[in-house]
Amino acid sequence: MMLPTHAVIGLAVATPLLVLSPDLAPAALTGVLAGSLVPDLDLYAGHRRTLHYPTIYTLLALPLALVAVIVPTTVSVGVASVVVGAAIHCHADRFGGGLELRPWEGTSERAVYDHVRGRWRRPKRWVRYDGAPEDLLVLVSLAVPLLVVLEGPFRAAVAVALAIGAVYVGLRRRLATLAPTVFGYVPKRLEGYVPDRYRT
């Protein structure tokens, strides 16, 4: 799934705290938003492996969430929310396509790396690829209610995610065609940071 969808899924998971614990909701929303974005910071350095830990994040999220329930402070809720957001992101990547430049071709069986099992988890392709029309459908179906419920910077984050997601979906296939050309001009000293899939 595309990054805007991950961000909005995270916000949707934390939004019930607006009713359940309004004082802690900002910490939860901020934490889960950050956690939903963090795994994709590995985009140019071992994507879906370097910062993607589906099992480890999940195993950490359970006790952290329990601590946040027992000792509900902005810190405990914020920390738990970061890890929960990262865990959800990693599991959501399995529902999309494989790790390849043109995932609609379905040639990769690598969705996300599981460090505990020491192997790649296979893509389920429920959302065929990041930026697919169904990816936009997930984004819109979650973003529209959030635009009504959330306020301030969180509403703005949803609006930005929606705008970026819509543009990305419109350009997704063209970007795959342009990538080898664009990344062909990268200076030699930076070539090590360009994933192999962008050069073929």
N, C-alpha and C. Protein backbone atom coordinates (compact mmCIF):
# COMPACT_ATOMS: atom_id res chain seq x y z
N MET A 1 0.84 -1.18 0.00
CA MET A 1 0.00 0.00 0.00
C MET A 1 0.89 1.25 0.00
N MET A 2 0.31 2.32 -0.49
CA MET A 2 1.08 3.57 -0.55
C MET A 2 1.12 4.23 0.83
N LEU A 3 2.12 5.05 1.03
CA LEU A 3 2.35 5.68 2.33
C LEU A 3 1.13 6.48 2.83
N PRO A 4 0.44 7.25 1.98
CA PRO A 4 -0.75 7.96 2.49
C PRO A 4 -1.81 7.01 3.07
N THR A 5 -1.96 5.84 2.47
CA THR A 5 -2.93 4.87 2.99
C THR A 5 -2.48 4.36 4.36
N HIS A 6 -1.19 4.06 4.50
CA HIS A 6 -0.67 3.63 5.80
C HIS A 6 -0.95 4.70 6.87
N ALA A 7 -0.71 5.95 6.54
CA ALA A 7 -0.90 7.04 7.50
C ALA A 7 -2.36 7.13 7.94
N VAL A 8 -3.26 7.03 6.99
CA VAL A 8 -4.69 7.16 7.31
C VAL A 8 -5.21 5.94 8.06
N ILE A 9 -4.69 4.75 7.75
CA ILE A 9 -5.07 3.56 8.51
C ILE A 9 -4.67 3.74 9.97
N GLY A 10 -3.45 4.22 10.20
CA GLY A 10 -3.00 4.46 11.57
C GLY A 10 -3.89 5.44 12.31
N LEU A 11 -4.21 6.55 11.66
CA LEU A 11 -5.09 7.54 12.30
C LEU A 11 -6.46 6.96 12.59
N ALA A 12 -6.97 6.13 11.69
CA ALA A 12 -8.29 5.52 11.90
C ALA A 12 -8.29 4.60 13.12
N VAL A 13 -7.17 3.90 13.34
CA VAL A 13 -7.08 3.00 14.49
C VAL A 13 -7.08 3.78 15.80
N ALA A 14 -6.44 4.94 15.83
CA ALA A 14 -6.35 5.72 17.07
C ALA A 14 -7.53 6.64 17.32
N THR A 15 -8.33 6.92 16.31
CA THR A 15 -9.43 7.89 16.42
C THR A 15 -10.45 7.57 17.52
N PRO A 16 -10.78 6.29 17.80
CA PRO A 16 -11.74 6.04 18.89
C PRO A 16 -11.34 6.63 20.23
N LEU A 17 -10.05 6.90 20.43
CA LEU A 17 -9.62 7.51 21.69
C LEU A 17 -10.15 8.92 21.86
N LEU A 18 -10.62 9.55 20.78
CA LEU A 18 -11.25 10.87 20.92
C LEU A 18 -12.46 10.80 21.83
N VAL A 19 -13.13 9.64 21.83
CA VAL A 19 -14.30 9.42 22.69
C VAL A 19 -13.89 8.74 24.00
N LEU A 20 -13.04 7.71 23.89
CA LEU A 20 -12.68 6.91 25.05
C LEU A 20 -11.78 7.64 26.04
N SER A 21 -10.86 8.45 25.52
CA SER A 21 -9.92 9.18 26.38
C SER A 21 -9.43 10.43 25.66
N PRO A 22 -10.28 11.46 25.61
CA PRO A 22 -9.95 12.66 24.83
C PRO A 22 -8.62 13.32 25.21
N ASP A 23 -8.22 13.22 26.49
CA ASP A 23 -6.96 13.84 26.90
C ASP A 23 -5.74 13.14 26.30
N LEU A 24 -5.87 11.84 26.07
CA LEU A 24 -4.75 11.06 25.54
C LEU A 24 -4.80 10.89 24.02
N ALA A 25 -5.91 11.26 23.42
CA ALA A 25 -6.08 11.08 21.98
C ALA A 25 -4.99 11.76 21.15
N PRO A 26 -4.60 13.02 21.46
CA PRO A 26 -3.53 13.63 20.66
C PRO A 26 -2.22 12.84 20.68
N ALA A 27 -1.86 12.30 21.84
CA ALA A 27 -0.63 11.50 21.93
C ALA A 27 -0.76 10.24 21.09
N ALA A 28 -1.93 9.61 21.15
CA ALA A 28 -2.15 8.39 20.37
C ALA A 28 -2.14 8.68 18.87
N LEU A 29 -2.82 9.74 18.46
CA LEU A 29 -2.87 10.10 17.04
C LEU A 29 -1.49 10.47 16.50
N THR A 30 -0.75 11.25 17.28
CA THR A 30 0.61 11.63 16.87
C THR A 30 1.51 10.41 16.78
N GLY A 31 1.43 9.57 17.80
CA GLY A 31 2.27 8.37 17.83
C GLY A 31 1.98 7.41 16.71
N VAL A 32 0.71 7.13 16.50
CA VAL A 32 0.35 6.15 15.47
C VAL A 32 0.65 6.70 14.06
N LEU A 33 0.51 8.00 13.89
CA LEU A 33 0.85 8.60 12.60
C LEU A 33 2.35 8.46 12.34
N ALA A 34 3.16 8.78 13.34
CA ALA A 34 4.62 8.63 13.19
C ALA A 34 4.99 7.17 12.95
N GLY A 35 4.42 6.28 13.73
CA GLY A 35 4.71 4.85 13.57
C GLY A 35 4.29 4.31 12.22
N SER A 36 3.22 4.85 11.67
CA SER A 36 2.75 4.41 10.35
C SER A 36 3.69 4.84 9.23
N LEU A 37 4.44 5.91 9.47
CA LEU A 37 5.36 6.44 8.45
C LEU A 37 6.77 5.87 8.56
N VAL A 38 7.21 5.57 9.77
CA VAL A 38 8.60 5.17 10.01
C VAL A 38 9.09 4.00 9.17
N PRO A 39 8.34 2.91 9.04
CA PRO A 39 8.90 1.79 8.26
C PRO A 39 9.32 2.15 6.84
N ASP A 40 8.64 3.09 6.22
CA ASP A 40 8.99 3.42 4.83
C ASP A 40 10.18 4.37 4.71
N LEU A 41 10.81 4.71 5.82
CA LEU A 41 12.06 5.47 5.74
C LEU A 41 13.19 4.62 5.16
N ASP A 42 12.94 3.32 5.00
CA ASP A 42 13.94 2.44 4.39
C ASP A 42 13.77 2.31 2.87
N LEU A 43 13.01 3.21 2.28
CA LEU A 43 12.69 3.11 0.85
C LEU A 43 13.93 2.95 -0.02
N TYR A 44 15.01 3.64 0.32
CA TYR A 44 16.22 3.57 -0.51
C TYR A 44 17.35 2.79 0.17
N ALA A 45 17.01 2.04 1.19
CA ALA A 45 18.03 1.24 1.88
C ALA A 45 17.42 -0.06 2.37
N GLY A 46 17.23 -0.99 1.46
CA GLY A 46 16.65 -2.28 1.82
C GLY A 46 15.18 -2.18 2.13
N HIS A 47 14.41 -1.64 1.19
CA HIS A 47 12.98 -1.39 1.43
C HIS A 47 12.24 -2.66 1.82
N ARG A 48 11.36 -2.48 2.77
CA ARG A 48 10.53 -3.52 3.38
C ARG A 48 11.36 -4.59 4.09
N ARG A 49 12.59 -4.22 4.42
CA ARG A 49 13.44 -5.12 5.19
C ARG A 49 14.17 -4.39 6.31
N THR A 50 14.77 -3.26 5.99
CA THR A 50 15.61 -2.56 6.97
C THR A 50 14.80 -2.05 8.17
N LEU A 51 13.66 -1.44 7.93
CA LEU A 51 12.84 -0.90 9.03
C LEU A 51 11.48 -1.58 9.15
N HIS A 52 11.28 -2.65 8.43
CA HIS A 52 10.03 -3.41 8.50
C HIS A 52 10.26 -4.65 9.38
N TYR A 53 9.57 -4.70 10.50
CA TYR A 53 9.69 -5.81 11.44
C TYR A 53 8.29 -6.27 11.85
N PRO A 54 7.59 -7.00 10.99
CA PRO A 54 6.20 -7.34 11.30
C PRO A 54 6.02 -8.11 12.61
N THR A 55 6.87 -9.07 12.86
CA THR A 55 6.72 -9.87 14.09
C THR A 55 7.23 -9.12 15.31
N ILE A 56 8.40 -8.48 15.18
CA ILE A 56 8.99 -7.79 16.33
C ILE A 56 8.13 -6.61 16.78
N TYR A 57 7.65 -5.79 15.83
CA TYR A 57 6.78 -4.68 16.22
C TYR A 57 5.53 -5.19 16.94
N THR A 58 4.96 -6.28 16.43
CA THR A 58 3.75 -6.83 17.03
C THR A 58 4.03 -7.33 18.45
N LEU A 59 5.15 -8.04 18.61
CA LEU A 59 5.51 -8.54 19.94
C LEU A 59 5.80 -7.41 20.92
N LEU A 60 6.35 -6.30 20.44
CA LEU A 60 6.59 -5.14 21.30
C LEU A 60 5.30 -4.38 21.59
N ALA A 61 4.40 -4.34 20.60
CA ALA A 61 3.17 -3.56 20.74
C ALA A 61 2.27 -4.10 21.85
N LEU A 62 2.23 -5.41 22.01
CA LEU A 62 1.32 -6.01 23.00
C LEU A 62 1.64 -5.56 24.43
N PRO A 63 2.87 -5.74 24.93
CA PRO A 63 3.13 -5.26 26.30
C PRO A 63 3.08 -3.73 26.42
N LEU A 64 3.50 -3.03 25.38
CA LEU A 64 3.44 -1.56 25.45
C LEU A 64 1.99 -1.07 25.53
N ALA A 65 1.10 -1.72 24.78
CA ALA A 65 -0.32 -1.35 24.85
C ALA A 65 -0.89 -1.66 26.22
N LEU A 66 -0.46 -2.78 26.80
CA LEU A 66 -0.92 -3.14 28.14
C LEU A 66 -0.45 -2.11 29.17
N VAL A 67 0.80 -1.68 29.06
CA VAL A 67 1.32 -0.64 29.96
C VAL A 67 0.51 0.64 29.78
N ALA A 68 0.19 0.99 28.52
CA ALA A 68 -0.59 2.21 28.26
C ALA A 68 -1.99 2.14 28.85
N VAL A 69 -2.55 0.94 28.92
CA VAL A 69 -3.88 0.78 29.52
C VAL A 69 -3.79 0.86 31.05
N ILE A 70 -2.76 0.24 31.60
CA ILE A 70 -2.61 0.22 33.08
C ILE A 70 -2.13 1.57 33.61
N VAL A 71 -1.17 2.17 32.90
CA VAL A 71 -0.62 3.48 33.31
C VAL A 71 -0.79 4.45 32.14
N PRO A 72 -2.00 4.97 31.98
CA PRO A 72 -2.28 5.81 30.81
C PRO A 72 -1.74 7.23 30.93
N THR A 73 -0.55 7.44 30.40
CA THR A 73 0.04 8.77 30.35
C THR A 73 0.29 9.12 28.88
N THR A 74 0.59 10.37 28.63
CA THR A 74 0.86 10.75 27.23
C THR A 74 2.08 10.01 26.70
N VAL A 75 3.06 9.76 27.55
CA VAL A 75 4.27 9.04 27.12
C VAL A 75 3.96 7.58 26.84
N SER A 76 3.29 6.89 27.76
CA SER A 76 3.00 5.46 27.56
C SER A 76 2.10 5.25 26.35
N VAL A 77 1.10 6.10 26.19
CA VAL A 77 0.19 5.99 25.05
C VAL A 77 0.92 6.35 23.76
N GLY A 78 1.73 7.39 23.79
CA GLY A 78 2.47 7.80 22.60
C GLY A 78 3.44 6.74 22.12
N VAL A 79 4.21 6.17 23.05
CA VAL A 79 5.18 5.13 22.69
C VAL A 79 4.47 3.89 22.15
N ALA A 80 3.43 3.45 22.84
CA ALA A 80 2.67 2.29 22.37
C ALA A 80 2.09 2.55 20.98
N SER A 81 1.61 3.74 20.76
CA SER A 81 0.99 4.08 19.47
C SER A 81 2.00 4.07 18.32
N VAL A 82 3.22 4.52 18.59
CA VAL A 82 4.26 4.48 17.55
C VAL A 82 4.49 3.04 17.10
N VAL A 83 4.63 2.15 18.07
CA VAL A 83 4.92 0.75 17.75
C VAL A 83 3.71 0.07 17.10
N VAL A 84 2.52 0.39 17.58
CA VAL A 84 1.31 -0.16 16.97
C VAL A 84 1.20 0.30 15.51
N GLY A 85 1.46 1.58 15.27
CA GLY A 85 1.41 2.10 13.90
C GLY A 85 2.39 1.40 12.98
N ALA A 86 3.61 1.17 13.49
CA ALA A 86 4.63 0.48 12.68
C ALA A 86 4.23 -0.97 12.42
N ALA A 87 3.66 -1.63 13.41
CA ALA A 87 3.23 -3.02 13.24
C ALA A 87 2.12 -3.12 12.20
N ILE A 88 1.14 -2.23 12.29
CA ILE A 88 0.04 -2.23 11.33
C ILE A 88 0.58 -1.99 9.92
N HIS A 89 1.49 -1.06 9.79
CA HIS A 89 2.10 -0.76 8.47
C HIS A 89 2.71 -2.02 7.88
N CYS A 90 3.53 -2.72 8.66
CA CYS A 90 4.22 -3.91 8.15
C CYS A 90 3.25 -5.01 7.74
N HIS A 91 2.21 -5.21 8.52
CA HIS A 91 1.22 -6.23 8.16
C HIS A 91 0.40 -5.81 6.95
N ALA A 92 0.10 -4.53 6.85
CA ALA A 92 -0.67 -4.03 5.70
C ALA A 92 0.10 -4.21 4.40
N ASP A 93 1.44 -4.10 4.45
CA ASP A 93 2.24 -4.31 3.24
C ASP A 93 2.05 -5.70 2.66
N ARG A 94 1.73 -6.67 3.48
CA ARG A 94 1.48 -8.03 2.97
C ARG A 94 0.22 -8.11 2.14
N PHE A 95 -0.73 -7.20 2.39
CA PHE A 95 -1.99 -7.26 1.65
C PHE A 95 -1.87 -6.66 0.26
N GLY A 96 -0.74 -6.02 0.00
CA GLY A 96 -0.49 -5.43 -1.30
C GLY A 96 0.31 -6.34 -2.20
N GLY A 97 0.93 -5.73 -3.22
CA GLY A 97 1.74 -6.48 -4.17
C GLY A 97 3.15 -6.69 -3.67
N GLY A 98 3.95 -7.30 -4.53
CA GLY A 98 5.33 -7.59 -4.18
C GLY A 98 6.23 -6.38 -4.29
N LEU A 99 7.47 -6.60 -3.87
CA LEU A 99 8.47 -5.55 -3.87
C LEU A 99 9.16 -5.53 -5.23
N GLU A 100 8.62 -4.76 -6.15
CA GLU A 100 9.14 -4.69 -7.50
C GLU A 100 8.74 -3.35 -8.10
N LEU A 101 9.41 -2.96 -9.17
CA LEU A 101 9.11 -1.68 -9.80
C LEU A 101 7.71 -1.66 -10.40
N ARG A 102 7.31 -2.76 -10.99
CA ARG A 102 5.98 -2.88 -11.61
C ARG A 102 5.19 -4.02 -10.93
N PRO A 103 4.70 -3.78 -9.72
CA PRO A 103 4.06 -4.87 -8.96
C PRO A 103 2.79 -5.41 -9.60
N TRP A 104 2.20 -4.69 -10.55
CA TRP A 104 1.01 -5.19 -11.23
C TRP A 104 1.36 -6.40 -12.12
N GLU A 105 2.65 -6.60 -12.40
CA GLU A 105 3.05 -7.77 -13.19
C GLU A 105 3.11 -9.03 -12.33
N GLY A 106 3.15 -8.87 -11.01
CA GLY A 106 3.10 -10.01 -10.09
C GLY A 106 4.28 -10.95 -10.19
N THR A 107 5.48 -10.42 -10.39
CA THR A 107 6.66 -11.28 -10.54
C THR A 107 7.45 -11.46 -9.24
N SER A 108 7.16 -10.69 -8.22
CA SER A 108 7.90 -10.79 -6.95
C SER A 108 7.05 -11.45 -5.88
N GLU A 109 7.67 -12.33 -5.15
CA GLU A 109 7.01 -12.98 -4.02
C GLU A 109 7.51 -12.42 -2.69
N ARG A 110 8.07 -11.22 -2.75
CA ARG A 110 8.58 -10.55 -1.55
C ARG A 110 7.68 -9.39 -1.17
N ALA A 111 6.95 -9.55 -0.08
CA ALA A 111 6.09 -8.46 0.40
C ALA A 111 6.78 -7.70 1.52
N VAL A 112 7.17 -8.41 2.56
CA VAL A 112 7.85 -7.79 3.71
C VAL A 112 8.72 -8.87 4.36
N TYR A 113 9.89 -8.44 4.82
CA TYR A 113 10.82 -9.39 5.41
C TYR A 113 10.51 -9.62 6.88
N ASP A 114 10.48 -10.88 7.27
CA ASP A 114 10.25 -11.25 8.66
C ASP A 114 11.60 -11.65 9.27
N HIS A 115 12.15 -10.78 10.09
CA HIS A 115 13.46 -11.02 10.69
C HIS A 115 13.45 -12.18 11.67
N VAL A 116 12.33 -12.43 12.31
CA VAL A 116 12.25 -13.53 13.28
C VAL A 116 12.31 -14.87 12.56
N ARG A 117 11.57 -14.99 11.48
CA ARG A 117 11.57 -16.24 10.71
C ARG A 117 12.72 -16.32 9.71
N GLY A 118 13.36 -15.19 9.46
CA GLY A 118 14.49 -15.16 8.53
C GLY A 118 14.10 -15.38 7.08
N ARG A 119 12.93 -14.89 6.70
CA ARG A 119 12.48 -15.07 5.31
C ARG A 119 11.48 -13.98 4.94
N TRP A 120 11.28 -13.84 3.63
CA TRP A 120 10.30 -12.89 3.11
C TRP A 120 8.91 -13.47 3.22
N ARG A 121 7.97 -12.66 3.62
CA ARG A 121 6.56 -13.06 3.59
C ARG A 121 6.01 -12.72 2.22
N ARG A 122 5.14 -13.57 1.72
CA ARG A 122 4.61 -13.42 0.37
C ARG A 122 3.47 -12.39 0.34
N PRO A 123 3.33 -11.68 -0.78
CA PRO A 123 2.22 -10.72 -0.91
C PRO A 123 0.89 -11.44 -1.12
N LYS A 124 -0.16 -10.89 -0.53
CA LYS A 124 -1.51 -11.46 -0.72
C LYS A 124 -2.21 -10.84 -1.93
N ARG A 125 -1.81 -9.62 -2.29
CA ARG A 125 -2.33 -8.90 -3.46
C ARG A 125 -3.84 -8.61 -3.36
N TRP A 126 -4.34 -8.40 -2.15
CA TRP A 126 -5.73 -7.96 -2.02
C TRP A 126 -5.84 -6.55 -2.59
N VAL A 127 -4.84 -5.75 -2.33
CA VAL A 127 -4.65 -4.48 -3.04
C VAL A 127 -3.51 -4.80 -4.00
N ARG A 128 -3.79 -4.83 -5.29
CA ARG A 128 -2.83 -5.40 -6.25
C ARG A 128 -1.44 -4.80 -6.17
N TYR A 129 -1.35 -3.51 -5.93
CA TYR A 129 -0.05 -2.84 -5.82
C TYR A 129 -0.25 -1.48 -5.19
N ASP A 130 0.86 -0.89 -4.68
CA ASP A 130 0.75 0.44 -4.10
C ASP A 130 0.39 1.42 -5.21
N GLY A 131 -0.64 2.19 -4.99
CA GLY A 131 -1.10 3.13 -6.01
C GLY A 131 -2.15 2.55 -6.94
N ALA A 132 -2.64 1.36 -6.66
CA ALA A 132 -3.72 0.76 -7.46
C ALA A 132 -5.04 1.47 -7.13
N PRO A 133 -6.03 1.37 -8.02
CA PRO A 133 -7.33 1.99 -7.72
C PRO A 133 -7.92 1.53 -6.39
N GLU A 134 -7.74 0.26 -6.05
CA GLU A 134 -8.29 -0.22 -4.77
C GLU A 134 -7.53 0.34 -3.58
N ASP A 135 -6.27 0.72 -3.78
CA ASP A 135 -5.51 1.41 -2.73
C ASP A 135 -6.15 2.77 -2.47
N LEU A 136 -6.50 3.46 -3.54
CA LEU A 136 -7.19 4.75 -3.40
C LEU A 136 -8.55 4.57 -2.74
N LEU A 137 -9.24 3.49 -3.06
CA LEU A 137 -10.55 3.21 -2.44
C LEU A 137 -10.41 3.05 -0.93
N VAL A 138 -9.39 2.31 -0.49
CA VAL A 138 -9.15 2.16 0.95
C VAL A 138 -8.87 3.53 1.57
N LEU A 139 -8.00 4.29 0.91
CA LEU A 139 -7.63 5.62 1.41
C LEU A 139 -8.86 6.52 1.55
N VAL A 140 -9.66 6.61 0.50
CA VAL A 140 -10.83 7.50 0.50
C VAL A 140 -11.86 7.04 1.54
N SER A 141 -12.09 5.72 1.62
CA SER A 141 -13.12 5.22 2.54
C SER A 141 -12.76 5.49 4.00
N LEU A 142 -11.47 5.58 4.31
CA LEU A 142 -11.06 5.92 5.67
C LEU A 142 -10.89 7.43 5.86
N ALA A 143 -10.42 8.11 4.83
CA ALA A 143 -10.11 9.54 4.95
C ALA A 143 -11.37 10.39 5.09
N VAL A 144 -12.41 10.08 4.36
CA VAL A 144 -13.61 10.93 4.38
C VAL A 144 -14.22 11.01 5.79
N PRO A 145 -14.45 9.89 6.47
CA PRO A 145 -14.95 10.02 7.85
C PRO A 145 -13.97 10.73 8.79
N LEU A 146 -12.67 10.50 8.58
CA LEU A 146 -11.67 11.15 9.44
C LEU A 146 -11.67 12.67 9.23
N LEU A 147 -11.93 13.12 8.02
CA LEU A 147 -12.00 14.56 7.77
C LEU A 147 -13.15 15.20 8.56
N VAL A 148 -14.18 14.42 8.82
CA VAL A 148 -15.33 14.91 9.58
C VAL A 148 -15.02 14.89 11.08
N VAL A 149 -14.39 13.83 11.55
CA VAL A 149 -14.19 13.60 12.98
C VAL A 149 -12.97 14.33 13.54
N LEU A 150 -11.87 14.31 12.80
CA LEU A 150 -10.63 14.91 13.32
C LEU A 150 -10.62 16.41 13.15
N GLU A 151 -9.76 17.06 13.90
CA GLU A 151 -9.62 18.52 13.82
C GLU A 151 -8.15 18.90 13.75
N GLY A 152 -7.90 20.15 13.44
CA GLY A 152 -6.56 20.72 13.48
C GLY A 152 -5.56 20.01 12.60
N PRO A 153 -4.36 19.75 13.15
CA PRO A 153 -3.28 19.17 12.34
C PRO A 153 -3.59 17.76 11.85
N PHE A 154 -4.41 17.03 12.60
CA PHE A 154 -4.75 15.66 12.17
C PHE A 154 -5.67 15.67 10.97
N ARG A 155 -6.62 16.60 10.96
CA ARG A 155 -7.47 16.76 9.78
C ARG A 155 -6.62 17.19 8.58
N ALA A 156 -5.69 18.10 8.82
CA ALA A 156 -4.79 18.56 7.74
C ALA A 156 -3.95 17.40 7.22
N ALA A 157 -3.46 16.53 8.12
CA ALA A 157 -2.67 15.38 7.70
C ALA A 157 -3.48 14.45 6.82
N VAL A 158 -4.74 14.25 7.16
CA VAL A 158 -5.62 13.41 6.34
C VAL A 158 -5.85 14.04 4.97
N ALA A 159 -6.09 15.34 4.95
CA ALA A 159 -6.31 16.03 3.67
C ALA A 159 -5.07 15.95 2.78
N VAL A 160 -3.90 16.14 3.37
CA VAL A 160 -2.65 16.04 2.60
C VAL A 160 -2.46 14.61 2.09
N ALA A 161 -2.71 13.62 2.95
CA ALA A 161 -2.59 12.22 2.53
C ALA A 161 -3.53 11.91 1.38
N LEU A 162 -4.74 12.42 1.45
CA LEU A 162 -5.73 12.20 0.39
C LEU A 162 -5.27 12.82 -0.92
N ALA A 163 -4.77 14.04 -0.87
CA ALA A 163 -4.31 14.72 -2.08
C ALA A 163 -3.10 14.01 -2.69
N ILE A 164 -2.12 13.68 -1.85
CA ILE A 164 -0.92 12.99 -2.35
C ILE A 164 -1.29 11.62 -2.92
N GLY A 165 -2.14 10.90 -2.21
CA GLY A 165 -2.56 9.58 -2.67
C GLY A 165 -3.26 9.63 -4.01
N ALA A 166 -4.15 10.60 -4.20
CA ALA A 166 -4.88 10.72 -5.47
C ALA A 166 -3.92 11.01 -6.63
N VAL A 167 -2.97 11.90 -6.40
CA VAL A 167 -1.99 12.22 -7.44
C VAL A 167 -1.11 11.01 -7.73
N TYR A 168 -0.67 10.33 -6.68
CA TYR A 168 0.20 9.16 -6.85
C TYR A 168 -0.50 8.07 -7.65
N VAL A 169 -1.77 7.81 -7.34
CA VAL A 169 -2.52 6.78 -8.08
C VAL A 169 -2.60 7.15 -9.56
N GLY A 170 -2.81 8.43 -9.84
CA GLY A 170 -2.88 8.88 -11.22
C GLY A 170 -1.57 8.73 -11.98
N LEU A 171 -0.47 8.82 -11.26
CA LEU A 171 0.86 8.78 -11.90
C LEU A 171 1.60 7.46 -11.73
N ARG A 172 1.08 6.55 -10.93
CA ARG A 172 1.83 5.36 -10.49
C ARG A 172 2.48 4.59 -11.64
N ARG A 173 1.75 4.25 -12.65
CA ARG A 173 2.32 3.44 -13.73
C ARG A 173 3.33 4.23 -14.55
N ARG A 174 3.10 5.51 -14.72
CA ARG A 174 4.05 6.35 -15.45
C ARG A 174 5.37 6.49 -14.68
N LEU A 175 5.27 6.58 -13.37
CA LEU A 175 6.48 6.70 -12.55
C LEU A 175 7.37 5.47 -12.70
N ALA A 176 6.76 4.31 -12.82
CA ALA A 176 7.54 3.07 -13.00
C ALA A 176 8.29 3.10 -14.33
N THR A 177 7.69 3.70 -15.34
CA THR A 177 8.34 3.80 -16.64
C THR A 177 9.48 4.81 -16.60
N LEU A 178 9.29 5.90 -15.86
CA LEU A 178 10.30 6.95 -15.78
C LEU A 178 11.47 6.62 -14.86
N ALA A 179 11.25 5.78 -13.86
CA ALA A 179 12.27 5.53 -12.83
C ALA A 179 13.63 5.13 -13.39
N PRO A 180 13.72 4.14 -14.29
CA PRO A 180 15.05 3.76 -14.78
C PRO A 180 15.78 4.92 -15.48
N THR A 181 15.03 5.77 -16.18
CA THR A 181 15.64 6.91 -16.85
C THR A 181 16.12 7.94 -15.84
N VAL A 182 15.24 8.30 -14.92
CA VAL A 182 15.58 9.32 -13.92
C VAL A 182 16.75 8.87 -13.06
N PHE A 183 16.68 7.64 -12.55
CA PHE A 183 17.74 7.16 -11.67
C PHE A 183 19.02 6.82 -12.43
N GLY A 184 18.95 6.80 -13.76
CA GLY A 184 20.15 6.62 -14.56
C GLY A 184 21.08 7.82 -14.50
N TYR A 185 20.57 8.97 -14.06
CA TYR A 185 21.37 10.19 -13.96
C TYR A 185 21.92 10.45 -12.56
N VAL A 186 21.72 9.51 -11.66
CA VAL A 186 22.21 9.67 -10.30
C VAL A 186 23.74 9.65 -10.31
N PRO A 187 24.39 10.58 -9.59
CA PRO A 187 25.86 10.59 -9.53
C PRO A 187 26.41 9.26 -9.00
N LYS A 188 27.58 8.90 -9.45
CA LYS A 188 28.20 7.62 -9.09
C LYS A 188 28.26 7.41 -7.58
N ARG A 189 28.57 8.46 -6.83
CA ARG A 189 28.72 8.32 -5.38
C ARG A 189 27.40 7.99 -4.68
N LEU A 190 26.28 8.22 -5.36
CA LEU A 190 24.97 7.94 -4.76
C LEU A 190 24.31 6.68 -5.31
N GLU A 191 24.95 6.03 -6.28
CA GLU A 191 24.34 4.86 -6.92
C GLU A 191 24.02 3.73 -5.94
N GLY A 192 24.81 3.62 -4.88
CA GLY A 192 24.58 2.56 -3.90
C GLY A 192 23.26 2.70 -3.16
N TYR A 193 22.68 3.90 -3.20
CA TYR A 193 21.41 4.14 -2.52
C TYR A 193 20.20 3.91 -3.42
N VAL A 194 20.45 3.68 -4.70
CA VAL A 194 19.35 3.47 -5.64
C VAL A 194 19.03 1.98 -5.69
N PRO A 195 17.81 1.58 -5.34
CA PRO A 195 17.45 0.16 -5.38
C PRO A 195 17.61 -0.41 -6.79
N ASP A 196 17.99 -1.67 -6.86
CA ASP A 196 18.18 -2.34 -8.16
C ASP A 196 16.93 -2.26 -9.01
N ARG A 197 15.75 -2.35 -8.38
CA ARG A 197 14.51 -2.37 -9.15
C ARG A 197 14.29 -1.06 -9.92
N TYR A 198 14.94 0.04 -9.50
CA TYR A 198 14.79 1.32 -10.18
C TYR A 198 15.73 1.46 -11.37
N ARG A 199 16.62 0.51 -11.53
CA ARG A 199 17.60 0.62 -12.62
C ARG A 199 17.30 -0.29 -13.79
N THR A 200 16.32 -1.19 -13.63
CA THR A 200 16.06 -2.15 -14.70
C THR A 200 14.82 -1.79 -15.48
